Amino acid sequence: MLCRCEDMTLADLAHSVSRGYRDIEEVKRYTGFGTGPCQGKECLAVVALELAKLTGQPPEAIPPFTSRPPLSPTPLKLLARDPGAHRFPDDKDD
């Protein structure tokens, strides 16, 4: 398992290389690795090393993929465990 967040295996990577995807950005778009909760922090190095082996490139020739922020920022109150963070103005106090 190369990417636990997106269930990407070595076989998935080999398949993407066989389809002509040799760049890490292309592999990311084809397989979805690096788009899960860890945003590639856990899998990027492993995938890059395996991609280097499969394509015959030196590992240092494979740059990391471009990190992008979420489409819209997530308010911190949605991530907080504060019960009041999920109240709406019309909620009645119980």
C-alpha atoms as a PDB file:
ATOM      1  CA  MET A   1       0.000   0.000   0.000  1.00  0.00           C
ATOM      2  CA  LEU A   2       1.620   3.227  -1.146  1.00  0.00           C
ATOM      3  CA  CYS A   3      -1.162   5.649  -0.191  1.00  0.00           C
ATOM      4  CA  ARG A   4      -3.365   4.535   2.672  1.00  0.00           C
ATOM      5  CA  CYS A   5      -5.716   7.506   2.390  1.00  0.00           C
ATOM      6  CA  GLU A   6      -6.637   6.721  -1.231  1.00  0.00           C
ATOM      7  CA  ASP A   7      -5.924   2.948  -1.221  1.00  0.00           C
ATOM      8  CA  MET A   8      -3.257   3.220  -3.902  1.00  0.00           C
ATOM      9  CA  THR A   9      -1.092   0.145  -4.364  1.00  0.00           C
ATOM     10  CA  LEU A  10       2.150  -0.530  -6.182  1.00  0.00           C
ATOM     11  CA  ALA A  11       0.058  -2.277  -8.842  1.00  0.00           C
ATOM     12  CA  ASP A  12      -1.949   0.942  -9.313  1.00  0.00           C
ATOM     13  CA  LEU A  13       1.267   2.896  -9.778  1.00  0.00           C
ATOM     14  CA  ALA A  14       2.645   0.331 -12.227  1.00  0.00           C
ATOM     15  CA  HIS A  15      -0.637   0.456 -14.164  1.00  0.00           C
ATOM     16  CA  SER A  16      -0.503   4.248 -14.395  1.00  0.00           C
ATOM     17  CA  VAL A  17       3.104   4.087 -15.657  1.00  0.00           C
ATOM     18  CA  SER A  18       2.082   1.490 -18.241  1.00  0.00           C
ATOM     19  CA  ARG A  19      -0.605   3.923 -19.444  1.00  0.00           C
ATOM     20  CA  GLY A  20       2.079   6.572 -20.045  1.00  0.00           C
ATOM     21  CA  TYR A  21       1.847   8.589 -16.840  1.00  0.00           C
ATOM     22  CA  ARG A  22       5.488   9.138 -15.887  1.00  0.00           C
ATOM     23  CA  ASP A  23       5.292  12.483 -14.060  1.00  0.00           C
ATOM     24  CA  ILE A  24       4.243  12.628 -10.408  1.00  0.00           C
ATOM     25  CA  GLU A  25       1.538  15.220 -11.182  1.00  0.00           C
ATOM     26  CA  GLU A  26       0.091  12.920 -13.849  1.00  0.00           C
ATOM     27  CA  VAL A  27       0.191   9.941 -11.498  1.00  0.00           C
ATOM     28  CA  LYS A  28      -1.523  12.004  -8.800  1.00  0.00           C
ATOM     29  CA  ARG A  29      -4.324  12.976 -11.173  1.00  0.00           C
ATOM     30  CA  TYR A  30      -4.715   9.434 -12.494  1.00  0.00           C
ATOM     31  CA  THR A  31      -4.631   7.581  -9.159  1.00  0.00           C
ATOM     32  CA  GLY A  32      -5.740  10.223  -6.664  1.00  0.00           C
ATOM     33  CA  PHE A  33      -2.804   9.621  -4.331  1.00  0.00           C
ATOM     34  CA  GLY A  34      -1.937  12.608  -2.172  1.00  0.00           C
ATOM     35  CA  THR A  35      -5.489  13.948  -2.177  1.00  0.00           C
ATOM     36  CA  GLY A  36      -6.643  12.292   1.046  1.00  0.00           C
ATOM     37  CA  PRO A  37      -6.519  13.585   4.608  1.00  0.00           C
ATOM     38  CA  CYS A  38      -2.701  13.546   4.777  1.00  0.00           C
ATOM     39  CA  GLN A  39      -2.396  15.551   1.514  1.00  0.00           C
ATOM     40  CA  GLY A  40       0.654  13.499   0.533  1.00  0.00           C
ATOM     41  CA  LYS A  41       2.592  13.906   3.763  1.00  0.00           C
ATOM     42  CA  GLU A  42       2.617  10.143   4.310  1.00  0.00           C
ATOM     43  CA  CYS A  43       2.860   8.856   0.745  1.00  0.00           C
ATOM     44  CA  LEU A  44       4.676  11.355  -1.464  1.00  0.00           C
ATOM     45  CA  ALA A  45       8.206  10.086  -0.769  1.00  0.00           C
ATOM     46  CA  VAL A  46       7.228   6.429  -1.148  1.00  0.00           C
ATOM     47  CA  VAL A  47       5.354   7.016  -4.399  1.00  0.00           C
ATOM     48  CA  ALA A  48       8.197   9.149  -5.794  1.00  0.00           C
ATOM     49  CA  LEU A  49      10.778   6.434  -5.021  1.00  0.00           C
ATOM     50  CA  GLU A  50       8.663   3.710  -6.597  1.00  0.00           C
ATOM     51  CA  LEU A  51       7.924   5.920  -9.603  1.00  0.00           C
ATOM     52  CA  ALA A  52      11.660   6.455 -10.038  1.00  0.00           C
ATOM     53  CA  LYS A  53      12.240   2.685 -10.009  1.00  0.00           C
ATOM     54  CA  LEU A  54       9.447   2.011 -12.496  1.00  0.00           C
ATOM     55  CA  THR A  55      10.495   4.736 -14.910  1.00  0.00           C
ATOM     56  CA  GLY A  56      14.258   4.327 -14.564  1.00  0.00           C
ATOM     57  CA  GLN A  57      14.719   7.906 -13.420  1.00  0.00           C
ATOM     58  CA  PRO A  58      16.941   8.940 -10.527  1.00  0.00           C
ATOM     59  CA  PRO A  59      14.776   9.799  -7.473  1.00  0.00           C
ATOM     60  CA  GLU A  60      16.136  13.356  -7.370  1.00  0.00           C
ATOM     61  CA  ALA A  61      14.740  13.921 -10.877  1.00  0.00           C
ATOM     62  CA  ILE A  62      11.168  13.539  -9.581  1.00  0.00           C
ATOM     63  CA  PRO A  63       9.989  16.808  -8.020  1.00  0.00           C
ATOM     64  CA  PRO A  64       7.184  16.803  -5.442  1.00  0.00           C
ATOM     65  CA  PHE A  65       3.694  17.533  -6.689  1.00  0.00           C
ATOM     66  CA  THR A  66       2.212  20.999  -6.363  1.00  0.00           C
ATOM     67  CA  SER A  67       0.393  21.408  -3.074  1.00  0.00           C
ATOM     68  CA  ARG A  68      -2.891  23.225  -3.407  1.00  0.00           C
ATOM     69  CA  PRO A  69      -5.192  24.566  -0.692  1.00  0.00           C
ATOM     70  CA  PRO A  70      -8.786  23.357  -0.422  1.00  0.00           C
ATOM     71  CA  LEU A  71     -11.259  24.898  -2.857  1.00  0.00           C
ATOM     72  CA  SER A  72     -12.744  26.947  -0.037  1.00  0.00           C
ATOM     73  CA  PRO A  73     -11.209  27.374   3.412  1.00  0.00           C
ATOM     74  CA  THR A  74     -12.694  25.295   6.196  1.00  0.00           C
ATOM     75  CA  PRO A  75     -13.712  27.391   9.207  1.00  0.00           C
ATOM     76  CA  LEU A  76     -11.892  26.261  12.327  1.00  0.00           C
ATOM     77  CA  LYS A  77     -15.169  26.128  14.259  1.00  0.00           C
ATOM     78  CA  LEU A  78     -16.152  23.115  12.113  1.00  0.00           C
ATOM     79  CA  LEU A  79     -13.071  21.274  13.309  1.00  0.00           C
ATOM     80  CA  ALA A  80     -13.374  22.281  16.952  1.00  0.00           C
ATOM     81  CA  ARG A  81     -14.950  20.074  19.577  1.00  0.00           C
ATOM     82  CA  ASP A  82     -16.738  23.083  21.061  1.00  0.00           C
ATOM     83  CA  PRO A  83     -20.460  22.201  21.255  1.00  0.00           C
ATOM     84  CA  GLY A  84     -21.317  25.871  20.701  1.00  0.00           C
ATOM     85  CA  ALA A  85     -19.483  25.863  17.407  1.00  0.00           C
ATOM     86  CA  HIS A  86     -22.274  23.881  15.799  1.00  0.00           C
ATOM     87  CA  ARG A  87     -25.165  26.015  17.017  1.00  0.00           C
ATOM     88  CA  PHE A  88     -27.253  28.160  14.769  1.00  0.00           C
ATOM     89  CA  PRO A  89     -28.821  31.511  15.764  1.00  0.00           C
ATOM     90  CA  ASP A  90     -32.298  29.962  15.883  1.00  0.00           C
ATOM     91  CA  ASP A  91     -31.254  27.062  18.162  1.00  0.00           C
ATOM     92  CA  LYS A  92     -33.039  27.033  21.493  1.00  0.00           C
ATOM     93  CA  ASP A  93     -30.932  26.581  24.624  1.00  0.00           C
ATOM     94  CA  ASP A  94     -31.766  23.209  26.162  1.00  0.00           C
END
